[in-house]
Amino acid sequence: MDNNLKKRSRVFAKKAKKHNYWKWAFIILLALILGSSLFLVQQLTGKNIEQQQVAQATKSLGKHTSVDVQLNKKQLNAAINYYLTRQQKNKKLKYKFYVDQAAILVGTTKILGENVSFSLYTEPTVTPNGNILLYAKSVAIGTLSAPPGFILNYIKNNYRLGKWVTIDSKAKTIRLNLSQIKGFHGVTVRAKKIDLINNKFLFKVNIPLK
């Protein structure tokens, strides 16, 4: 009887040992699965060092960033003409604006019922808030000279220059309010420097990040 009891005890011990092996194997396997899953989730949802640096740099920029753009006369005239061509589409009275030794506005006026071309010569300056102020210096109508105030009044009453352009015929000025112009996706432009002599025109372009 004692021998039978010993045999049963040995068999039970072996079974218990096998059961413990399987138990620990299952626990280790479960730990590996959970650990691998957690690592995979962290890798998928986390950011690498480069992404973190980009995110931090973007956050530090704020709601917008700015870029300085320098143009020469040829580039500036091309940009102005492109804008004016689009802005004056399907309009009867058209004008041109270009930069040379002065900032010159060219258009047509009526004298004694006849269309006569005129050229308004202005001196551009940059205002503290990044707009451009044009001081009218002289006007040529055909081969004759005329008071700048006369042409400025005519331009104000007959040309659609846009809401961002204001004319003061008494002060003989044309103000280009660049801050009121909203470009693609809210992009805005401010003038920083206008140098006709050295052919340098510097602008700051503000670009929203959101």
N, C-alpha and C. Protein backbone atom coordinates (compact mmCIF):
# COMPACT_ATOMS: atom_id res chain seq x y z
N MET A 1 0.83 -1.21 0.00
CA MET A 1 0.00 0.00 0.00
C MET A 1 0.86 1.25 0.00
N ASP A 2 1.95 1.17 0.79
CA ASP A 2 2.86 2.32 0.82
C ASP A 2 3.51 2.55 -0.52
N ASN A 3 3.81 1.44 -1.19
CA ASN A 3 4.43 1.56 -2.51
C ASN A 3 3.49 2.22 -3.51
N ASN A 4 2.22 1.83 -3.45
CA ASN A 4 1.23 2.44 -4.35
C ASN A 4 1.09 3.93 -4.07
N LEU A 5 1.10 4.30 -2.82
CA LEU A 5 0.97 5.71 -2.45
C LEU A 5 2.15 6.53 -2.94
N LYS A 6 3.34 5.90 -2.84
CA LYS A 6 4.54 6.60 -3.31
C LYS A 6 4.50 6.80 -4.82
N LYS A 7 4.02 5.75 -5.54
CA LYS A 7 3.93 5.85 -7.00
C LYS A 7 2.97 6.96 -7.40
N ARG A 8 1.82 7.02 -6.69
CA ARG A 8 0.83 8.05 -7.02
C ARG A 8 1.40 9.44 -6.74
N SER A 9 2.15 9.54 -5.67
CA SER A 9 2.74 10.85 -5.33
C SER A 9 3.73 11.31 -6.39
N ARG A 10 4.52 10.32 -6.90
CA ARG A 10 5.49 10.66 -7.94
C ARG A 10 4.79 11.11 -9.22
N VAL A 11 3.72 10.39 -9.59
CA VAL A 11 2.97 10.75 -10.80
C VAL A 11 2.36 12.13 -10.65
N PHE A 12 1.78 12.42 -9.49
CA PHE A 12 1.16 13.72 -9.24
C PHE A 12 2.20 14.85 -9.29
N ALA A 13 3.37 14.54 -8.73
CA ALA A 13 4.45 15.54 -8.73
C ALA A 13 4.92 15.85 -10.14
N LYS A 14 5.02 14.78 -10.98
CA LYS A 14 5.43 14.99 -12.37
C LYS A 14 4.41 15.83 -13.11
N LYS A 15 3.11 15.51 -12.88
CA LYS A 15 2.04 16.26 -13.55
C LYS A 15 2.05 17.72 -13.09
N ALA A 16 2.26 17.89 -11.79
CA ALA A 16 2.29 19.28 -11.26
C ALA A 16 3.45 20.06 -11.85
N LYS A 17 4.59 19.34 -12.01
CA LYS A 17 5.77 19.98 -12.57
C LYS A 17 5.52 20.42 -14.00
N LYS A 18 4.89 19.49 -14.78
CA LYS A 18 4.56 19.82 -16.18
C LYS A 18 3.58 20.99 -16.23
N HIS A 19 2.60 20.97 -15.30
CA HIS A 19 1.60 22.04 -15.26
C HIS A 19 2.27 23.38 -14.97
N ASN A 20 3.26 23.36 -14.06
CA ASN A 20 3.97 24.60 -13.73
C ASN A 20 4.78 25.11 -14.93
N TYR A 21 5.39 24.18 -15.67
CA TYR A 21 6.12 24.58 -16.87
C TYR A 21 5.22 25.31 -17.85
N TRP A 22 4.05 24.70 -18.11
CA TRP A 22 3.10 25.32 -19.05
C TRP A 22 2.60 26.66 -18.52
N LYS A 23 2.40 26.71 -17.21
CA LYS A 23 1.91 27.95 -16.58
C LYS A 23 2.92 29.08 -16.80
N TRP A 24 4.18 28.81 -16.50
CA TRP A 24 5.21 29.84 -16.65
C TRP A 24 5.46 30.19 -18.12
N ALA A 25 5.38 29.18 -18.96
CA ALA A 25 5.53 29.43 -20.40
C ALA A 25 4.43 30.34 -20.91
N PHE A 26 3.20 30.13 -20.44
CA PHE A 26 2.07 30.96 -20.84
C PHE A 26 2.25 32.40 -20.36
N ILE A 27 2.71 32.53 -19.09
CA ILE A 27 2.91 33.88 -18.53
C ILE A 27 3.98 34.65 -19.30
N ILE A 28 5.08 33.95 -19.61
CA ILE A 28 6.17 34.59 -20.37
C ILE A 28 5.70 34.99 -21.76
N LEU A 29 4.94 34.08 -22.42
CA LEU A 29 4.42 34.38 -23.76
C LEU A 29 3.48 35.57 -23.73
N LEU A 30 2.61 35.62 -22.71
CA LEU A 30 1.67 36.74 -22.57
C LEU A 30 2.43 38.05 -22.35
N ALA A 31 3.48 38.00 -21.54
CA ALA A 31 4.29 39.20 -21.28
C ALA A 31 4.97 39.69 -22.55
N LEU A 32 5.47 38.74 -23.35
CA LEU A 32 6.11 39.10 -24.62
C LEU A 32 5.12 39.75 -25.57
N ILE A 33 3.91 39.18 -25.64
CA ILE A 33 2.89 39.73 -26.54
C ILE A 33 2.50 41.14 -26.12
N LEU A 34 2.25 41.31 -24.80
CA LEU A 34 1.86 42.63 -24.31
C LEU A 34 2.99 43.65 -24.49
N GLY A 35 4.22 43.20 -24.20
CA GLY A 35 5.36 44.10 -24.36
C GLY A 35 5.58 44.51 -25.80
N SER A 36 5.46 43.55 -26.71
CA SER A 36 5.62 43.84 -28.14
C SER A 36 4.54 44.77 -28.64
N SER A 37 3.30 44.54 -28.17
CA SER A 37 2.18 45.39 -28.59
C SER A 37 2.37 46.81 -28.11
N LEU A 38 2.80 46.97 -26.85
CA LEU A 38 3.02 48.31 -26.30
C LEU A 38 4.14 49.02 -27.05
N PHE A 39 5.22 48.31 -27.36
CA PHE A 39 6.33 48.90 -28.12
C PHE A 39 5.88 49.34 -29.51
N LEU A 40 5.06 48.49 -30.16
CA LEU A 40 4.57 48.80 -31.50
C LEU A 40 3.68 50.03 -31.49
N VAL A 41 2.81 50.13 -30.48
CA VAL A 41 1.92 51.29 -30.37
C VAL A 41 2.73 52.56 -30.16
N GLN A 42 3.75 52.48 -29.30
CA GLN A 42 4.60 53.65 -29.05
C GLN A 42 5.34 54.09 -30.31
N GLN A 43 5.79 53.11 -31.09
CA GLN A 43 6.51 53.44 -32.32
C GLN A 43 5.59 54.06 -33.36
N LEU A 44 4.34 53.57 -33.42
CA LEU A 44 3.40 54.08 -34.41
C LEU A 44 2.89 55.45 -34.05
N THR A 45 2.62 55.68 -32.77
CA THR A 45 2.03 56.95 -32.34
C THR A 45 3.07 57.98 -31.92
N GLY A 46 4.29 57.56 -31.68
CA GLY A 46 5.32 58.48 -31.24
C GLY A 46 5.99 59.19 -32.40
N LYS A 47 6.83 60.15 -32.08
CA LYS A 47 7.56 60.92 -33.09
C LYS A 47 9.05 60.66 -32.93
N ASN A 48 9.73 60.57 -34.09
CA ASN A 48 11.17 60.41 -34.01
C ASN A 48 11.82 61.75 -33.69
N ILE A 49 13.13 61.74 -33.54
CA ILE A 49 13.84 62.96 -33.13
C ILE A 49 13.65 64.08 -34.13
N GLU A 50 13.73 63.74 -35.44
CA GLU A 50 13.57 64.76 -36.48
C GLU A 50 12.17 65.36 -36.43
N GLN A 51 11.13 64.50 -36.24
CA GLN A 51 9.76 65.00 -36.18
C GLN A 51 9.56 65.89 -34.96
N GLN A 52 10.17 65.52 -33.84
CA GLN A 52 10.05 66.33 -32.63
C GLN A 52 10.71 67.69 -32.81
N GLN A 53 11.86 67.69 -33.50
CA GLN A 53 12.56 68.95 -33.74
C GLN A 53 11.75 69.86 -34.65
N VAL A 54 11.13 69.27 -35.70
CA VAL A 54 10.30 70.05 -36.62
C VAL A 54 9.09 70.61 -35.89
N ALA A 55 8.45 69.76 -35.06
CA ALA A 55 7.27 70.20 -34.32
C ALA A 55 7.62 71.32 -33.36
N GLN A 56 8.78 71.19 -32.68
CA GLN A 56 9.22 72.22 -31.75
C GLN A 56 9.54 73.52 -32.48
N ALA A 57 10.20 73.40 -33.64
CA ALA A 57 10.54 74.60 -34.43
C ALA A 57 9.29 75.29 -34.93
N THR A 58 8.31 74.49 -35.39
CA THR A 58 7.06 75.06 -35.88
C THR A 58 6.30 75.76 -34.77
N LYS A 59 6.31 75.13 -33.57
CA LYS A 59 5.61 75.72 -32.43
C LYS A 59 6.22 77.04 -32.04
N SER A 60 7.55 77.13 -32.13
CA SER A 60 8.24 78.35 -31.73
C SER A 60 8.01 79.49 -32.71
N LEU A 61 7.58 79.18 -33.93
CA LEU A 61 7.36 80.22 -34.93
C LEU A 61 6.10 81.03 -34.65
N GLY A 62 5.14 80.43 -33.94
CA GLY A 62 3.89 81.12 -33.65
C GLY A 62 2.87 80.87 -34.74
N LYS A 63 2.00 81.86 -34.95
CA LYS A 63 0.89 81.70 -35.88
C LYS A 63 1.27 82.02 -37.32
N HIS A 64 2.42 82.65 -37.53
CA HIS A 64 2.84 82.97 -38.89
C HIS A 64 4.36 83.06 -38.96
N THR A 65 4.85 83.01 -40.16
CA THR A 65 6.28 83.21 -40.39
C THR A 65 6.44 84.25 -41.50
N SER A 66 7.62 84.77 -41.65
CA SER A 66 7.84 85.81 -42.66
C SER A 66 9.10 85.53 -43.45
N VAL A 67 9.08 85.99 -44.69
CA VAL A 67 10.20 85.79 -45.61
C VAL A 67 10.50 87.13 -46.29
N ASP A 68 11.77 87.51 -46.32
CA ASP A 68 12.18 88.72 -47.03
C ASP A 68 12.41 88.40 -48.50
N VAL A 69 11.83 89.23 -49.37
CA VAL A 69 11.96 89.04 -50.82
C VAL A 69 12.54 90.31 -51.43
N GLN A 70 13.65 90.16 -52.14
CA GLN A 70 14.28 91.31 -52.80
C GLN A 70 14.08 91.21 -54.31
N LEU A 71 13.62 92.32 -54.90
CA LEU A 71 13.38 92.38 -56.34
C LEU A 71 14.18 93.51 -56.96
N ASN A 72 14.41 93.40 -58.27
CA ASN A 72 14.96 94.53 -59.01
C ASN A 72 13.82 95.17 -59.82
N LYS A 73 14.12 96.20 -60.58
CA LYS A 73 13.07 96.92 -61.31
C LYS A 73 12.34 96.02 -62.31
N LYS A 74 13.10 95.20 -63.01
CA LYS A 74 12.49 94.32 -64.01
C LYS A 74 11.52 93.34 -63.37
N GLN A 75 11.92 92.75 -62.26
CA GLN A 75 11.07 91.80 -61.56
C GLN A 75 9.85 92.49 -60.96
N LEU A 76 10.06 93.68 -60.39
CA LEU A 76 8.96 94.41 -59.78
C LEU A 76 7.94 94.83 -60.83
N ASN A 77 8.41 95.33 -61.98
CA ASN A 77 7.49 95.72 -63.05
C ASN A 77 6.70 94.54 -63.58
N ALA A 78 7.34 93.37 -63.67
CA ALA A 78 6.63 92.16 -64.12
C ALA A 78 5.52 91.79 -63.14
N ALA A 79 5.81 91.90 -61.84
CA ALA A 79 4.81 91.57 -60.82
C ALA A 79 3.66 92.57 -60.85
N ILE A 80 3.98 93.86 -61.01
CA ILE A 80 2.94 94.90 -61.06
C ILE A 80 2.05 94.71 -62.28
N ASN A 81 2.65 94.49 -63.44
CA ASN A 81 1.87 94.32 -64.67
C ASN A 81 0.99 93.08 -64.63
N TYR A 82 1.48 92.02 -64.00
CA TYR A 82 0.67 90.80 -63.86
C TYR A 82 -0.57 91.09 -63.03
N TYR A 83 -0.38 91.82 -61.92
CA TYR A 83 -1.52 92.16 -61.06
C TYR A 83 -2.50 93.09 -61.78
N LEU A 84 -1.98 94.12 -62.45
CA LEU A 84 -2.85 95.09 -63.13
C LEU A 84 -3.63 94.45 -64.27
N THR A 85 -3.01 93.53 -65.00
CA THR A 85 -3.69 92.85 -66.10
C THR A 85 -4.90 92.08 -65.58
N ARG A 86 -4.75 91.41 -64.45
CA ARG A 86 -5.86 90.66 -63.86
C ARG A 86 -6.90 91.60 -63.26
N GLN A 87 -6.43 92.66 -62.60
CA GLN A 87 -7.33 93.56 -61.90
C GLN A 87 -8.15 94.42 -62.86
N GLN A 88 -7.62 94.74 -64.04
CA GLN A 88 -8.30 95.63 -64.98
C GLN A 88 -9.01 94.89 -66.12
N LYS A 89 -9.16 93.60 -65.98
CA LYS A 89 -9.81 92.81 -67.03
C LYS A 89 -11.24 93.29 -67.24
N ASN A 90 -11.62 93.46 -68.50
CA ASN A 90 -12.97 93.90 -68.89
C ASN A 90 -13.30 95.33 -68.46
N LYS A 91 -12.29 96.15 -68.23
CA LYS A 91 -12.52 97.55 -67.89
C LYS A 91 -12.11 98.44 -69.06
N LYS A 92 -12.89 99.50 -69.27
CA LYS A 92 -12.64 100.39 -70.40
C LYS A 92 -11.38 101.23 -70.18
N LEU A 93 -11.32 101.88 -69.03
CA LEU A 93 -10.16 102.72 -68.73
C LEU A 93 -9.08 101.88 -68.05
N LYS A 94 -7.94 101.82 -68.68
CA LYS A 94 -6.84 101.04 -68.13
C LYS A 94 -5.61 101.92 -67.95
N TYR A 95 -4.80 101.55 -67.00
CA TYR A 95 -3.57 102.31 -66.75
C TYR A 95 -2.42 101.33 -66.53
N LYS A 96 -1.22 101.87 -66.64
CA LYS A 96 -0.01 101.09 -66.40
C LYS A 96 0.81 101.77 -65.31
N PHE A 97 1.58 100.96 -64.63
CA PHE A 97 2.43 101.50 -63.57
C PHE A 97 3.77 100.78 -63.66
N TYR A 98 4.83 101.54 -63.75
CA TYR A 98 6.14 100.90 -63.80
C TYR A 98 7.18 101.77 -63.09
N VAL A 99 8.28 101.13 -62.76
CA VAL A 99 9.34 101.79 -62.00
C VAL A 99 10.57 101.94 -62.88
N ASP A 100 11.08 103.17 -62.93
CA ASP A 100 12.31 103.45 -63.67
C ASP A 100 13.15 104.40 -62.81
N GLN A 101 13.42 105.60 -63.28
CA GLN A 101 14.06 106.61 -62.44
C GLN A 101 13.07 107.20 -61.45
N ALA A 102 11.80 106.97 -61.71
CA ALA A 102 10.71 107.35 -60.82
C ALA A 102 9.65 106.26 -60.91
N ALA A 103 8.66 106.34 -60.03
CA ALA A 103 7.51 105.44 -60.15
C ALA A 103 6.48 106.16 -61.01
N ILE A 104 6.15 105.58 -62.15
CA ILE A 104 5.38 106.29 -63.17
C ILE A 104 4.04 105.60 -63.42
N LEU A 105 2.97 106.39 -63.35
CA LEU A 105 1.64 105.90 -63.68
C LEU A 105 1.25 106.48 -65.03
N VAL A 106 0.88 105.62 -65.97
CA VAL A 106 0.54 106.03 -67.33
C VAL A 106 -0.91 105.66 -67.62
N GLY A 107 -1.66 106.63 -68.13
CA GLY A 107 -3.06 106.38 -68.47
C GLY A 107 -3.53 107.32 -69.54
N THR A 108 -4.85 107.47 -69.67
CA THR A 108 -5.42 108.39 -70.67
C THR A 108 -6.45 109.29 -70.01
N THR A 109 -6.55 110.50 -70.52
CA THR A 109 -7.55 111.45 -70.06
C THR A 109 -8.19 112.11 -71.28
N LYS A 110 -9.32 112.76 -71.06
CA LYS A 110 -10.00 113.43 -72.18
C LYS A 110 -9.80 114.93 -72.10
N ILE A 111 -9.33 115.50 -73.19
CA ILE A 111 -9.17 116.94 -73.30
C ILE A 111 -9.84 117.38 -74.60
N LEU A 112 -10.85 118.23 -74.47
CA LEU A 112 -11.63 118.70 -75.62
C LEU A 112 -12.21 117.52 -76.41
N GLY A 113 -12.66 116.51 -75.66
CA GLY A 113 -13.30 115.36 -76.29
C GLY A 113 -12.36 114.34 -76.88
N GLU A 114 -11.07 114.57 -76.75
CA GLU A 114 -10.09 113.64 -77.32
C GLU A 114 -9.35 112.90 -76.20
N ASN A 115 -9.08 111.61 -76.44
CA ASN A 115 -8.28 110.84 -75.50
C ASN A 115 -6.81 111.21 -75.64
N VAL A 116 -6.24 111.62 -74.53
CA VAL A 116 -4.83 112.02 -74.52
C VAL A 116 -4.12 111.24 -73.42
N SER A 117 -2.97 110.71 -73.74
CA SER A 117 -2.21 109.94 -72.74
C SER A 117 -1.50 110.89 -71.78
N PHE A 118 -1.35 110.43 -70.55
CA PHE A 118 -0.63 111.22 -69.55
C PHE A 118 0.33 110.31 -68.79
N SER A 119 1.35 110.93 -68.23
CA SER A 119 2.32 110.22 -67.39
C SER A 119 2.48 110.99 -66.09
N LEU A 120 2.23 110.30 -64.98
CA LEU A 120 2.35 110.91 -63.66
C LEU A 120 3.63 110.37 -63.01
N TYR A 121 4.57 111.27 -62.75
CA TYR A 121 5.86 110.88 -62.17
C TYR A 121 5.81 111.07 -60.66
N THR A 122 6.13 110.01 -59.92
CA THR A 122 6.05 110.07 -58.46
C THR A 122 7.35 109.59 -57.82
N GLU A 123 7.53 110.02 -56.58
CA GLU A 123 8.67 109.56 -55.78
C GLU A 123 8.15 108.65 -54.67
N PRO A 124 8.53 107.37 -54.68
CA PRO A 124 8.00 106.44 -53.68
C PRO A 124 8.81 106.44 -52.38
N THR A 125 8.09 106.32 -51.27
CA THR A 125 8.73 106.16 -49.96
C THR A 125 7.97 105.09 -49.19
N VAL A 126 8.65 104.49 -48.23
CA VAL A 126 8.04 103.45 -47.40
C VAL A 126 7.58 104.07 -46.08
N THR A 127 6.34 103.82 -45.70
CA THR A 127 5.80 104.32 -44.43
C THR A 127 6.23 103.39 -43.29
N PRO A 128 6.13 103.86 -42.03
CA PRO A 128 6.54 103.02 -40.89
C PRO A 128 5.78 101.70 -40.78
N ASN A 129 4.55 101.64 -41.29
CA ASN A 129 3.76 100.40 -41.19
C ASN A 129 3.85 99.53 -42.45
N GLY A 130 4.82 99.82 -43.31
CA GLY A 130 5.07 98.95 -44.45
C GLY A 130 4.26 99.24 -45.69
N ASN A 131 3.56 100.36 -45.73
CA ASN A 131 2.84 100.76 -46.94
C ASN A 131 3.74 101.65 -47.81
N ILE A 132 3.24 102.01 -48.99
CA ILE A 132 4.04 102.83 -49.92
C ILE A 132 3.31 104.14 -50.19
N LEU A 133 4.02 105.23 -50.06
CA LEU A 133 3.46 106.55 -50.33
C LEU A 133 4.14 107.13 -51.56
N LEU A 134 3.34 107.50 -52.57
CA LEU A 134 3.85 108.07 -53.81
C LEU A 134 3.60 109.58 -53.82
N TYR A 135 4.67 110.36 -53.87
CA TYR A 135 4.55 111.82 -53.95
C TYR A 135 4.58 112.23 -55.43
N ALA A 136 3.50 112.86 -55.88
CA ALA A 136 3.43 113.30 -57.27
C ALA A 136 4.37 114.48 -57.49
N LYS A 137 5.31 114.31 -58.41
CA LYS A 137 6.28 115.35 -58.69
C LYS A 137 5.92 116.18 -59.92
N SER A 138 5.51 115.50 -60.98
CA SER A 138 5.17 116.20 -62.22
C SER A 138 4.24 115.35 -63.06
N VAL A 139 3.58 116.01 -64.02
CA VAL A 139 2.66 115.33 -64.93
C VAL A 139 2.93 115.81 -66.34
N ALA A 140 2.97 114.87 -67.26
CA ALA A 140 3.10 115.21 -68.68
C ALA A 140 1.84 114.73 -69.40
N ILE A 141 1.15 115.66 -70.06
CA ILE A 141 -0.02 115.32 -70.88
C ILE A 141 0.37 115.60 -72.32
N GLY A 142 0.61 114.52 -73.06
CA GLY A 142 1.15 114.70 -74.40
C GLY A 142 2.54 115.31 -74.27
N THR A 143 2.72 116.48 -74.85
CA THR A 143 4.00 117.18 -74.74
C THR A 143 3.91 118.36 -73.76
N LEU A 144 2.76 118.48 -73.08
CA LEU A 144 2.55 119.59 -72.16
C LEU A 144 2.66 119.14 -70.71
N SER A 145 2.94 120.09 -69.83
CA SER A 145 2.95 119.82 -68.39
C SER A 145 1.62 120.25 -67.80
N ALA A 146 1.25 119.62 -66.68
CA ALA A 146 -0.01 119.95 -66.02
C ALA A 146 0.17 119.83 -64.52
N PRO A 147 -0.68 120.48 -63.74
CA PRO A 147 -0.59 120.38 -62.28
C PRO A 147 -0.90 118.94 -61.83
N PRO A 148 -0.10 118.37 -60.94
CA PRO A 148 -0.35 117.01 -60.47
C PRO A 148 -1.73 116.84 -59.84
N GLY A 149 -2.20 117.87 -59.13
CA GLY A 149 -3.51 117.78 -58.48
C GLY A 149 -4.63 117.54 -59.47
N PHE A 150 -4.54 118.13 -60.66
CA PHE A 150 -5.57 117.97 -61.69
C PHE A 150 -5.67 116.51 -62.12
N ILE A 151 -4.55 115.90 -62.41
CA ILE A 151 -4.54 114.50 -62.86
C ILE A 151 -4.94 113.56 -61.73
N LEU A 152 -4.50 113.87 -60.50
CA LEU A 152 -4.87 113.02 -59.36
C LEU A 152 -6.38 113.01 -59.15
N ASN A 153 -7.01 114.15 -59.30
CA ASN A 153 -8.48 114.22 -59.20
C ASN A 153 -9.13 113.41 -60.30
N TYR A 154 -8.59 113.51 -61.51
CA TYR A 154 -9.14 112.76 -62.64
C TYR A 154 -9.00 111.26 -62.40
N ILE A 155 -7.83 110.85 -61.93
CA ILE A 155 -7.61 109.42 -61.65
C ILE A 155 -8.57 108.93 -60.56
N LYS A 156 -8.72 109.72 -59.52
CA LYS A 156 -9.59 109.35 -58.40
C LYS A 156 -11.04 109.18 -58.82
N ASN A 157 -11.50 110.03 -59.74
CA ASN A 157 -12.90 110.00 -60.15
C ASN A 157 -13.19 109.05 -61.31
N ASN A 158 -12.18 108.64 -62.04
CA ASN A 158 -12.43 107.85 -63.25
C ASN A 158 -11.80 106.45 -63.26
N TYR A 159 -10.80 106.24 -62.44
CA TYR A 159 -10.12 104.94 -62.43
C TYR A 159 -10.48 104.16 -61.17
N ARG A 160 -10.71 102.89 -61.35
CA ARG A 160 -10.94 102.01 -60.20
C ARG A 160 -9.60 101.38 -59.80
N LEU A 161 -8.97 102.00 -58.84
CA LEU A 161 -7.64 101.57 -58.44
C LEU A 161 -7.67 100.48 -57.38
N GLY A 162 -8.82 100.26 -56.77
CA GLY A 162 -8.91 99.29 -55.69
C GLY A 162 -9.07 99.98 -54.35
N LYS A 163 -9.69 99.28 -53.39
CA LYS A 163 -9.94 99.87 -52.07
C LYS A 163 -8.66 100.14 -51.29
N TRP A 164 -7.60 99.46 -51.67
CA TRP A 164 -6.34 99.61 -50.93
C TRP A 164 -5.51 100.81 -51.41
N VAL A 165 -6.03 101.54 -52.40
CA VAL A 165 -5.35 102.73 -52.92
C VAL A 165 -6.14 103.98 -52.52
N THR A 166 -5.48 104.93 -51.87
CA THR A 166 -6.13 106.19 -51.50
C THR A 166 -5.36 107.35 -52.12
N ILE A 167 -6.12 108.31 -52.66
CA ILE A 167 -5.53 109.47 -53.34
C ILE A 167 -5.89 110.74 -52.59
N ASP A 168 -4.90 111.56 -52.33
CA ASP A 168 -5.10 112.87 -51.71
C ASP A 168 -4.57 113.91 -52.69
N SER A 169 -5.48 114.51 -53.46
CA SER A 169 -5.06 115.44 -54.51
C SER A 169 -4.44 116.72 -53.92
N LYS A 170 -4.89 117.12 -52.74
CA LYS A 170 -4.33 118.32 -52.12
C LYS A 170 -2.88 118.09 -51.66
N ALA A 171 -2.66 116.92 -51.06
CA ALA A 171 -1.30 116.59 -50.62
C ALA A 171 -0.45 116.04 -51.76
N LYS A 172 -1.09 115.81 -52.91
CA LYS A 172 -0.42 115.28 -54.11
C LYS A 172 0.23 113.91 -53.83
N THR A 173 -0.55 113.05 -53.20
CA THR A 173 -0.01 111.73 -52.84
C THR A 173 -0.97 110.61 -53.24
N ILE A 174 -0.38 109.47 -53.49
CA ILE A 174 -1.12 108.22 -53.68
C ILE A 174 -0.56 107.22 -52.66
N ARG A 175 -1.45 106.72 -51.81
CA ARG A 175 -1.01 105.76 -50.79
C ARG A 175 -1.41 104.35 -51.20
N LEU A 176 -0.43 103.47 -51.25
CA LEU A 176 -0.68 102.06 -51.55
C LEU A 176 -0.69 101.30 -50.23
N ASN A 177 -1.89 100.98 -49.75
CA ASN A 177 -2.05 100.30 -48.46
C ASN A 177 -1.87 98.79 -48.64
N LEU A 178 -0.62 98.36 -48.67
CA LEU A 178 -0.31 96.95 -48.90
C LEU A 178 -0.89 96.06 -47.80
N SER A 179 -1.03 96.61 -46.58
CA SER A 179 -1.54 95.82 -45.46
C SER A 179 -2.98 95.39 -45.67
N GLN A 180 -3.70 96.05 -46.59
CA GLN A 180 -5.09 95.70 -46.85
C GLN A 180 -5.25 94.66 -47.95
N ILE A 181 -4.16 94.29 -48.58
CA ILE A 181 -4.22 93.29 -49.65
C ILE A 181 -4.01 91.91 -49.05
N LYS A 182 -4.99 91.03 -49.22
CA LYS A 182 -4.89 89.66 -48.75
C LYS A 182 -4.66 88.75 -49.95
N GLY A 183 -3.54 88.08 -49.92
CA GLY A 183 -3.21 87.17 -51.01
C GLY A 183 -3.72 85.77 -50.78
N PHE A 184 -3.15 84.82 -51.47
CA PHE A 184 -3.54 83.41 -51.39
C PHE A 184 -3.32 82.88 -49.98
N HIS A 185 -4.38 82.29 -49.38
CA HIS A 185 -4.32 81.72 -48.02
C HIS A 185 -3.93 82.76 -46.98
N GLY A 186 -4.34 84.02 -47.19
CA GLY A 186 -4.09 85.04 -46.18
C GLY A 186 -2.68 85.61 -46.16
N VAL A 187 -1.92 85.37 -47.22
CA VAL A 187 -0.56 85.91 -47.29
C VAL A 187 -0.61 87.43 -47.46
N THR A 188 0.19 88.15 -46.69
CA THR A 188 0.25 89.61 -46.78
C THR A 188 1.68 90.07 -47.08
N VAL A 189 1.78 91.30 -47.59
CA VAL A 189 3.08 91.85 -47.99
C VAL A 189 3.28 93.22 -47.36
N ARG A 190 4.49 93.49 -46.90
CA ARG A 190 4.86 94.80 -46.39
C ARG A 190 6.14 95.26 -47.09
N ALA A 191 6.18 96.53 -47.41
CA ALA A 191 7.40 97.08 -48.01
C ALA A 191 8.41 97.40 -46.91
N LYS A 192 9.68 97.11 -47.17
CA LYS A 192 10.74 97.41 -46.21
C LYS A 192 11.71 98.46 -46.74
N LYS A 193 11.99 98.39 -48.05
CA LYS A 193 12.96 99.31 -48.63
C LYS A 193 12.68 99.51 -50.11
N ILE A 194 12.72 100.77 -50.55
CA ILE A 194 12.61 101.10 -51.97
C ILE A 194 13.79 102.00 -52.33
N ASP A 195 14.66 101.48 -53.17
CA ASP A 195 15.88 102.20 -53.56
C ASP A 195 15.95 102.23 -55.08
N LEU A 196 15.45 103.32 -55.67
CA LEU A 196 15.43 103.43 -57.13
C LEU A 196 16.84 103.54 -57.70
N ILE A 197 17.71 104.23 -57.01
CA ILE A 197 19.06 104.47 -57.54
C ILE A 197 19.85 103.17 -57.62
N ASN A 198 19.79 102.37 -56.56
CA ASN A 198 20.56 101.12 -56.51
C ASN A 198 19.76 99.90 -56.98
N ASN A 199 18.55 100.15 -57.47
CA ASN A 199 17.74 99.09 -58.07
C ASN A 199 17.46 97.94 -57.08
N LYS A 200 17.06 98.32 -55.85
CA LYS A 200 16.75 97.32 -54.83
C LYS A 200 15.39 97.62 -54.20
N PHE A 201 14.57 96.58 -54.16
CA PHE A 201 13.23 96.70 -53.58
C PHE A 201 13.02 95.51 -52.65
N LEU A 202 12.91 95.79 -51.37
CA LEU A 202 12.81 94.73 -50.37
C LEU A 202 11.42 94.70 -49.75
N PHE A 203 10.83 93.51 -49.72
CA PHE A 203 9.50 93.32 -49.16
C PHE A 203 9.52 92.17 -48.15
N LYS A 204 8.64 92.27 -47.17
CA LYS A 204 8.47 91.17 -46.21
C LYS A 204 7.13 90.49 -46.50
N VAL A 205 7.18 89.19 -46.74
CA VAL A 205 5.98 88.41 -47.02
C VAL A 205 5.62 87.62 -45.76
N ASN A 206 4.43 87.87 -45.22
CA ASN A 206 3.96 87.17 -44.02
C ASN A 206 3.07 86.01 -44.43
N ILE A 207 3.40 84.81 -43.93
CA ILE A 207 2.70 83.59 -44.32
C ILE A 207 2.06 82.96 -43.08
N PRO A 208 0.73 82.83 -43.04
CA PRO A 208 0.07 82.16 -41.90
C PRO A 208 0.43 80.68 -41.87
N LEU A 209 0.60 80.13 -40.67
CA LEU A 209 0.93 78.72 -40.52
C LEU A 209 -0.30 77.88 -40.23
N LYS A 210 -1.43 78.52 -39.91
CA LYS A 210 -2.66 77.77 -39.62
C LYS A 210 -3.78 78.28 -40.50
